[in-house]
Amino acid sequence: SLKVYGAREKEGYTEIYVWDLSGD
């Protein structure tokens, strides 16, 4: 489950800045 702070173009890619809660 993600919280997305934002996204930005950088060096030809799109970086997405998130907080990730991951569980198995």
PDB file of all heavy atoms in Angstrom:
ATOM      1  N   SER A   1       0.863  -1.180   0.000  1.00  0.00           N
ATOM      2  CA  SER A   1       0.000   0.000   0.000  1.00  0.00           C
ATOM      3  C   SER A   1       0.901   1.231   0.000  1.00  0.00           C
ATOM      4  O   SER A   1       1.844   1.313   0.796  1.00  0.00           O
ATOM      5  CB  SER A   1      -0.915   0.009   1.231  1.00  0.00           C
ATOM      6  OG  SER A   1      -1.816  -1.089   1.184  1.00  0.00           O
ATOM      7  N   LEU A   2       0.603   2.171  -0.891  1.00  0.00           N
ATOM      8  CA  LEU A   2       1.491   3.315  -1.094  1.00  0.00           C
ATOM      9  C   LEU A   2       0.835   4.642  -0.730  1.00  0.00           C
ATOM     10  O   LEU A   2      -0.361   4.841  -0.967  1.00  0.00           O
ATOM     11  CB  LEU A   2       1.930   3.409  -2.558  1.00  0.00           C
ATOM     12  CG  LEU A   2       2.619   2.213  -3.210  1.00  0.00           C
ATOM     13  CD1 LEU A   2       3.024   2.571  -4.635  1.00  0.00           C
ATOM     14  CD2 LEU A   2       3.817   1.762  -2.404  1.00  0.00           C
ATOM     15  N   LYS A   3       1.632   5.542  -0.191  1.00  0.00           N
ATOM     16  CA  LYS A   3       1.309   6.963  -0.188  1.00  0.00           C
ATOM     17  C   LYS A   3       2.227   7.603  -1.213  1.00  0.00           C
ATOM     18  O   LYS A   3       3.455   7.470  -1.118  1.00  0.00           O
ATOM     19  CB  LYS A   3       1.551   7.612   1.179  1.00  0.00           C
ATOM     20  CG  LYS A   3       1.363   9.135   1.114  1.00  0.00           C
ATOM     21  CD  LYS A   3       1.630   9.822   2.436  1.00  0.00           C
ATOM     22  CE  LYS A   3       1.498  11.339   2.288  1.00  0.00           C
ATOM     23  NZ  LYS A   3       1.700  12.050   3.579  1.00  0.00           N
ATOM     24  N   VAL A   4       1.659   8.266  -2.208  1.00  0.00           N
ATOM     25  CA  VAL A   4       2.451   8.906  -3.256  1.00  0.00           C
ATOM     26  C   VAL A   4       2.611  10.388  -2.914  1.00  0.00           C
ATOM     27  O   VAL A   4       1.633  11.124  -2.824  1.00  0.00           O
ATOM     28  CB  VAL A   4       1.788   8.748  -4.638  1.00  0.00           C
ATOM     29  CG1 VAL A   4       2.610   9.451  -5.698  1.00  0.00           C
ATOM     30  CG2 VAL A   4       1.635   7.269  -4.979  1.00  0.00           C
ATOM     31  N   TYR A   5       3.868  10.802  -2.723  1.00  0.00           N
ATOM     32  CA  TYR A   5       4.144  12.212  -2.438  1.00  0.00           C
ATOM     33  C   TYR A   5       4.127  13.042  -3.715  1.00  0.00           C
ATOM     34  O   TYR A   5       3.671  14.183  -3.736  1.00  0.00           O
ATOM     35  CB  TYR A   5       5.504  12.363  -1.756  1.00  0.00           C
ATOM     36  CG  TYR A   5       5.591  11.697  -0.414  1.00  0.00           C
ATOM     37  CD1 TYR A   5       6.237  10.470  -0.264  1.00  0.00           C
ATOM     38  CD2 TYR A   5       5.014  12.272   0.714  1.00  0.00           C
ATOM     39  CE1 TYR A   5       6.315   9.837   0.965  1.00  0.00           C
ATOM     40  CE2 TYR A   5       5.086  11.655   1.952  1.00  0.00           C
ATOM     41  CZ  TYR A   5       5.738  10.436   2.067  1.00  0.00           C
ATOM     42  OH  TYR A   5       5.809   9.811   3.292  1.00  0.00           O
ATOM     43  N   GLY A   6       4.661  12.466  -4.795  1.00  0.00           N
ATOM     44  CA  GLY A   6       4.732  13.182  -6.061  1.00  0.00           C
ATOM     45  C   GLY A   6       5.631  12.434  -7.019  1.00  0.00           C
ATOM     46  O   GLY A   6       6.164  11.364  -6.722  1.00  0.00           O
ATOM     47  N   ALA A   7       5.780  13.007  -8.208  1.00  0.00           N
ATOM     48  CA  ALA A   7       6.625  12.398  -9.236  1.00  0.00           C
ATOM     49  C   ALA A   7       7.317  13.511 -10.016  1.00  0.00           C
ATOM     50  O   ALA A   7       6.801  14.622 -10.141  1.00  0.00           O
ATOM     51  CB  ALA A   7       5.798  11.532 -10.173  1.00  0.00           C
ATOM     52  N   ARG A   8       8.494  13.175 -10.537  1.00  0.00           N
ATOM     53  CA  ARG A   8       9.288  14.205 -11.208  1.00  0.00           C
ATOM     54  C   ARG A   8      10.159  13.564 -12.289  1.00  0.00           C
ATOM     55  O   ARG A   8      10.680  12.455 -12.114  1.00  0.00           O
ATOM     56  CB  ARG A   8      10.166  14.938 -10.186  1.00  0.00           C
ATOM     57  CG  ARG A   8      10.992  16.081 -10.754  1.00  0.00           C
ATOM     58  CD  ARG A   8      11.590  16.922  -9.633  1.00  0.00           C
ATOM     59  NE  ARG A   8      10.566  17.642  -8.884  1.00  0.00           N
ATOM     60  CZ  ARG A   8      10.824  18.505  -7.905  1.00  0.00           C
ATOM     61  NH1 ARG A   8      12.074  18.710  -7.538  1.00  0.00           N
ATOM     62  NH2 ARG A   8       9.861  19.142  -7.294  1.00  0.00           N
ATOM     63  N   GLU A   9      10.286  14.273 -13.410  1.00  0.00           N
ATOM     64  CA  GLU A   9      11.191  13.839 -14.471  1.00  0.00           C
ATOM     65  C   GLU A   9      12.638  14.050 -14.031  1.00  0.00           C
ATOM     66  O   GLU A   9      12.991  15.096 -13.497  1.00  0.00           O
ATOM     67  CB  GLU A   9      10.938  14.638 -15.751  1.00  0.00           C
ATOM     68  CG  GLU A   9       9.560  14.438 -16.357  1.00  0.00           C
ATOM     69  CD  GLU A   9       9.413  13.080 -17.009  1.00  0.00           C
ATOM     70  OE1 GLU A   9      10.436  12.373 -17.153  1.00  0.00           O
ATOM     71  OE2 GLU A   9       8.286  12.709 -17.364  1.00  0.00           O
ATOM     72  N   LYS A  10      13.464  13.003 -14.233  1.00  0.00           N
ATOM     73  CA  LYS A  10      14.867  13.110 -13.855  1.00  0.00           C
ATOM     74  C   LYS A  10      15.703  12.186 -14.723  1.00  0.00           C
ATOM     75  O   LYS A  10      15.488  10.966 -14.730  1.00  0.00           O
ATOM     76  CB  LYS A  10      15.055  12.759 -12.371  1.00  0.00           C
ATOM     77  CG  LYS A  10      16.483  12.973 -11.869  1.00  0.00           C
ATOM     78  CD  LYS A  10      16.587  12.701 -10.377  1.00  0.00           C
ATOM     79  CE  LYS A  10      18.014  12.920  -9.874  1.00  0.00           C
ATOM     80  NZ  LYS A  10      18.124  12.638  -8.421  1.00  0.00           N
ATOM     81  N   GLU A  11      16.631  12.782 -15.459  1.00  0.00           N
ATOM     82  CA  GLU A  11      17.607  12.038 -16.258  1.00  0.00           C
ATOM     83  C   GLU A  11      16.946  11.029 -17.198  1.00  0.00           C
ATOM     84  O   GLU A  11      17.378   9.890 -17.335  1.00  0.00           O
ATOM     85  CB  GLU A  11      18.615  11.332 -15.340  1.00  0.00           C
ATOM     86  CG  GLU A  11      19.425  12.307 -14.486  1.00  0.00           C
ATOM     87  CD  GLU A  11      20.337  11.610 -13.498  1.00  0.00           C
ATOM     88  OE1 GLU A  11      20.295  10.358 -13.434  1.00  0.00           O
ATOM     89  OE2 GLU A  11      21.111  12.303 -12.806  1.00  0.00           O
ATOM     90  N   GLY A  12      15.851  11.450 -17.833  1.00  0.00           N
ATOM     91  CA  GLY A  12      15.190  10.614 -18.819  1.00  0.00           C
ATOM     92  C   GLY A  12      14.169   9.641 -18.257  1.00  0.00           C
ATOM     93  O   GLY A  12      13.510   8.924 -19.020  1.00  0.00           O
ATOM     94  N   TYR A  13      14.029   9.593 -16.940  1.00  0.00           N
ATOM     95  CA  TYR A  13      13.060   8.709 -16.296  1.00  0.00           C
ATOM     96  C   TYR A  13      12.080   9.545 -15.469  1.00  0.00           C
ATOM     97  O   TYR A  13      12.273  10.737 -15.267  1.00  0.00           O
ATOM     98  CB  TYR A  13      13.758   7.704 -15.379  1.00  0.00           C
ATOM     99  CG  TYR A  13      14.677   6.745 -16.104  1.00  0.00           C
ATOM    100  CD1 TYR A  13      16.052   6.975 -16.157  1.00  0.00           C
ATOM    101  CD2 TYR A  13      14.173   5.616 -16.737  1.00  0.00           C
ATOM    102  CE1 TYR A  13      16.904   6.100 -16.825  1.00  0.00           C
ATOM    103  CE2 TYR A  13      15.016   4.734 -17.411  1.00  0.00           C
ATOM    104  CZ  TYR A  13      16.377   4.982 -17.450  1.00  0.00           C
ATOM    105  OH  TYR A  13      17.208   4.118 -18.112  1.00  0.00           O
ATOM    106  N   THR A  14      11.021   8.896 -14.990  1.00  0.00           N
ATOM    107  CA  THR A  14      10.100   9.526 -14.051  1.00  0.00           C
ATOM    108  C   THR A  14      10.280   8.855 -12.696  1.00  0.00           C
ATOM    109  O   THR A  14      10.053   7.649 -12.564  1.00  0.00           O
ATOM    110  CB  THR A  14       8.636   9.385 -14.501  1.00  0.00           C
ATOM    111  OG1 THR A  14       8.472  10.003 -15.774  1.00  0.00           O
ATOM    112  CG2 THR A  14       7.709  10.063 -13.499  1.00  0.00           C
ATOM    113  N   GLU A  15      10.732   9.630 -11.719  1.00  0.00           N
ATOM    114  CA  GLU A  15      10.879   9.118 -10.362  1.00  0.00           C
ATOM    115  C   GLU A  15       9.594   9.384  -9.583  1.00  0.00           C
ATOM    116  O   GLU A  15       9.089  10.508  -9.573  1.00  0.00           O
ATOM    117  CB  GLU A  15      12.066   9.764  -9.657  1.00  0.00           C
ATOM    118  CG  GLU A  15      13.412   9.338 -10.224  1.00  0.00           C
ATOM    119  CD  GLU A  15      14.584   9.759  -9.364  1.00  0.00           C
ATOM    120  OE1 GLU A  15      14.416  10.661  -8.508  1.00  0.00           O
ATOM    121  OE2 GLU A  15      15.681   9.198  -9.537  1.00  0.00           O
ATOM    122  N   ILE A  16       9.077   8.331  -8.946  1.00  0.00           N
ATOM    123  CA  ILE A  16       7.874   8.450  -8.128  1.00  0.00           C
ATOM    124  C   ILE A  16       8.284   8.283  -6.667  1.00  0.00           C
ATOM    125  O   ILE A  16       8.905   7.287  -6.299  1.00  0.00           O
ATOM    126  CB  ILE A  16       6.827   7.395  -8.518  1.00  0.00           C
ATOM    127  CG1 ILE A  16       6.531   7.467 -10.016  1.00  0.00           C
ATOM    128  CG2 ILE A  16       5.546   7.588  -7.706  1.00  0.00           C
ATOM    129  CD1 ILE A  16       5.590   6.378 -10.513  1.00  0.00           C
ATOM    130  N   TYR A  17       7.923   9.258  -5.843  1.00  0.00           N
ATOM    131  CA  TYR A  17       8.363   9.283  -4.448  1.00  0.00           C
ATOM    132  C   TYR A  17       7.203   8.815  -3.568  1.00  0.00           C
ATOM    133  O   TYR A  17       6.130   9.440  -3.546  1.00  0.00           O
ATOM    134  CB  TYR A  17       8.820  10.692  -4.077  1.00  0.00           C
ATOM    135  CG  TYR A  17       9.788  11.246  -5.097  1.00  0.00           C
ATOM    136  CD1 TYR A  17       9.383  12.202  -6.036  1.00  0.00           C
ATOM    137  CD2 TYR A  17      11.103  10.772  -5.170  1.00  0.00           C
ATOM    138  CE1 TYR A  17      10.263  12.682  -6.993  1.00  0.00           C
ATOM    139  CE2 TYR A  17      11.987  11.250  -6.127  1.00  0.00           C
ATOM    140  CZ  TYR A  17      11.562  12.200  -7.040  1.00  0.00           C
ATOM    141  OH  TYR A  17      12.436  12.661  -8.002  1.00  0.00           O
ATOM    142  N   VAL A  18       7.418   7.698  -2.860  1.00  0.00           N
ATOM    143  CA  VAL A  18       6.315   7.064  -2.138  1.00  0.00           C
ATOM    144  C   VAL A  18       6.756   6.628  -0.742  1.00  0.00           C
ATOM    145  O   VAL A  18       7.944   6.527  -0.449  1.00  0.00           O
ATOM    146  CB  VAL A  18       5.803   5.811  -2.888  1.00  0.00           C
ATOM    147  CG1 VAL A  18       5.426   6.149  -4.320  1.00  0.00           C
ATOM    148  CG2 VAL A  18       6.827   4.664  -2.875  1.00  0.00           C
ATOM    149  N   TRP A  19       5.751   6.363   0.093  1.00  0.00           N
ATOM    150  CA  TRP A  19       5.946   5.578   1.315  1.00  0.00           C
ATOM    151  C   TRP A  19       5.257   4.243   1.067  1.00  0.00           C
ATOM    152  O   TRP A  19       4.092   4.198   0.658  1.00  0.00           O
ATOM    153  CB  TRP A  19       5.343   6.260   2.532  1.00  0.00           C
ATOM    154  CG  TRP A  19       5.768   5.576   3.814  1.00  0.00           C
ATOM    155  CD1 TRP A  19       5.338   4.372   4.294  1.00  0.00           C
ATOM    156  CD2 TRP A  19       6.745   6.039   4.755  1.00  0.00           C
ATOM    157  NE1 TRP A  19       5.976   4.047   5.467  1.00  0.00           N
ATOM    158  CE2 TRP A  19       6.847   5.058   5.782  1.00  0.00           C
ATOM    159  CE3 TRP A  19       7.527   7.192   4.829  1.00  0.00           C
ATOM    160  CZ2 TRP A  19       7.693   5.193   6.868  1.00  0.00           C
ATOM    161  CZ3 TRP A  19       8.381   7.324   5.918  1.00  0.00           C
ATOM    162  CH2 TRP A  19       8.463   6.337   6.926  1.00  0.00           C
ATOM    163  N   ASP A  20       5.961   3.155   1.297  1.00  0.00           N
ATOM    164  CA  ASP A  20       5.442   1.820   1.016  1.00  0.00           C
ATOM    165  C   ASP A  20       5.290   1.017   2.291  1.00  0.00           C
ATOM    166  O   ASP A  20       6.260   0.816   3.027  1.00  0.00           O
ATOM    167  CB  ASP A  20       6.382   1.090   0.047  1.00  0.00           C
ATOM    168  CG  ASP A  20       5.976  -0.361  -0.173  1.00  0.00           C
ATOM    169  OD1 ASP A  20       4.761  -0.613  -0.299  1.00  0.00           O
ATOM    170  OD2 ASP A  20       6.867  -1.232  -0.214  1.00  0.00           O
ATOM    171  N   LEU A  21       4.070   0.554   2.560  1.00  0.00           N
ATOM    172  CA  LEU A  21       3.830  -0.437   3.606  1.00  0.00           C
ATOM    173  C   LEU A  21       3.666  -1.768   2.904  1.00  0.00           C
ATOM    174  O   LEU A  21       2.730  -1.964   2.118  1.00  0.00           O
ATOM    175  CB  LEU A  21       2.570  -0.107   4.407  1.00  0.00           C
ATOM    176  CG  LEU A  21       2.203  -1.141   5.481  1.00  0.00           C
ATOM    177  CD1 LEU A  21       3.219  -1.126   6.609  1.00  0.00           C
ATOM    178  CD2 LEU A  21       0.800  -0.894   6.021  1.00  0.00           C
ATOM    179  N   SER A  22       4.596  -2.690   3.139  1.00  0.00           N
ATOM    180  CA  SER A  22       4.593  -3.983   2.468  1.00  0.00           C
ATOM    181  C   SER A  22       4.514  -5.097   3.503  1.00  0.00           C
ATOM    182  O   SER A  22       5.200  -5.046   4.528  1.00  0.00           O
ATOM    183  CB  SER A  22       5.860  -4.151   1.623  1.00  0.00           C
ATOM    184  OG  SER A  22       5.867  -5.394   0.954  1.00  0.00           O
ATOM    185  N   GLY A  23       3.680  -6.086   3.233  1.00  0.00           N
ATOM    186  CA  GLY A  23       3.555  -7.206   4.155  1.00  0.00           C
ATOM    187  C   GLY A  23       3.359  -8.514   3.410  1.00  0.00           C
ATOM    188  O   GLY A  23       2.656  -8.562   2.394  1.00  0.00           O
ATOM    189  N   ASP A  24       4.000  -9.572   3.905  1.00  0.00           N
ATOM    190  CA  ASP A  24       3.824 -10.921   3.373  1.00  0.00           C
ATOM    191  C   ASP A  24       2.876 -11.665   4.310  1.00  0.00           C
ATOM    192  O   ASP A  24       3.162 -11.809   5.502  1.00  0.00           O
ATOM    193  CB  ASP A  24       5.166 -11.650   3.296  1.00  0.00           C
ATOM    194  CG  ASP A  24       6.168 -10.911   2.429  1.00  0.00           C
ATOM    195  OD1 ASP A  24       5.822 -10.583   1.283  1.00  0.00           O
ATOM    196  OD2 ASP A  24       7.287 -10.659   2.914  1.00  0.00           O
TER     197      ASP A  24
END
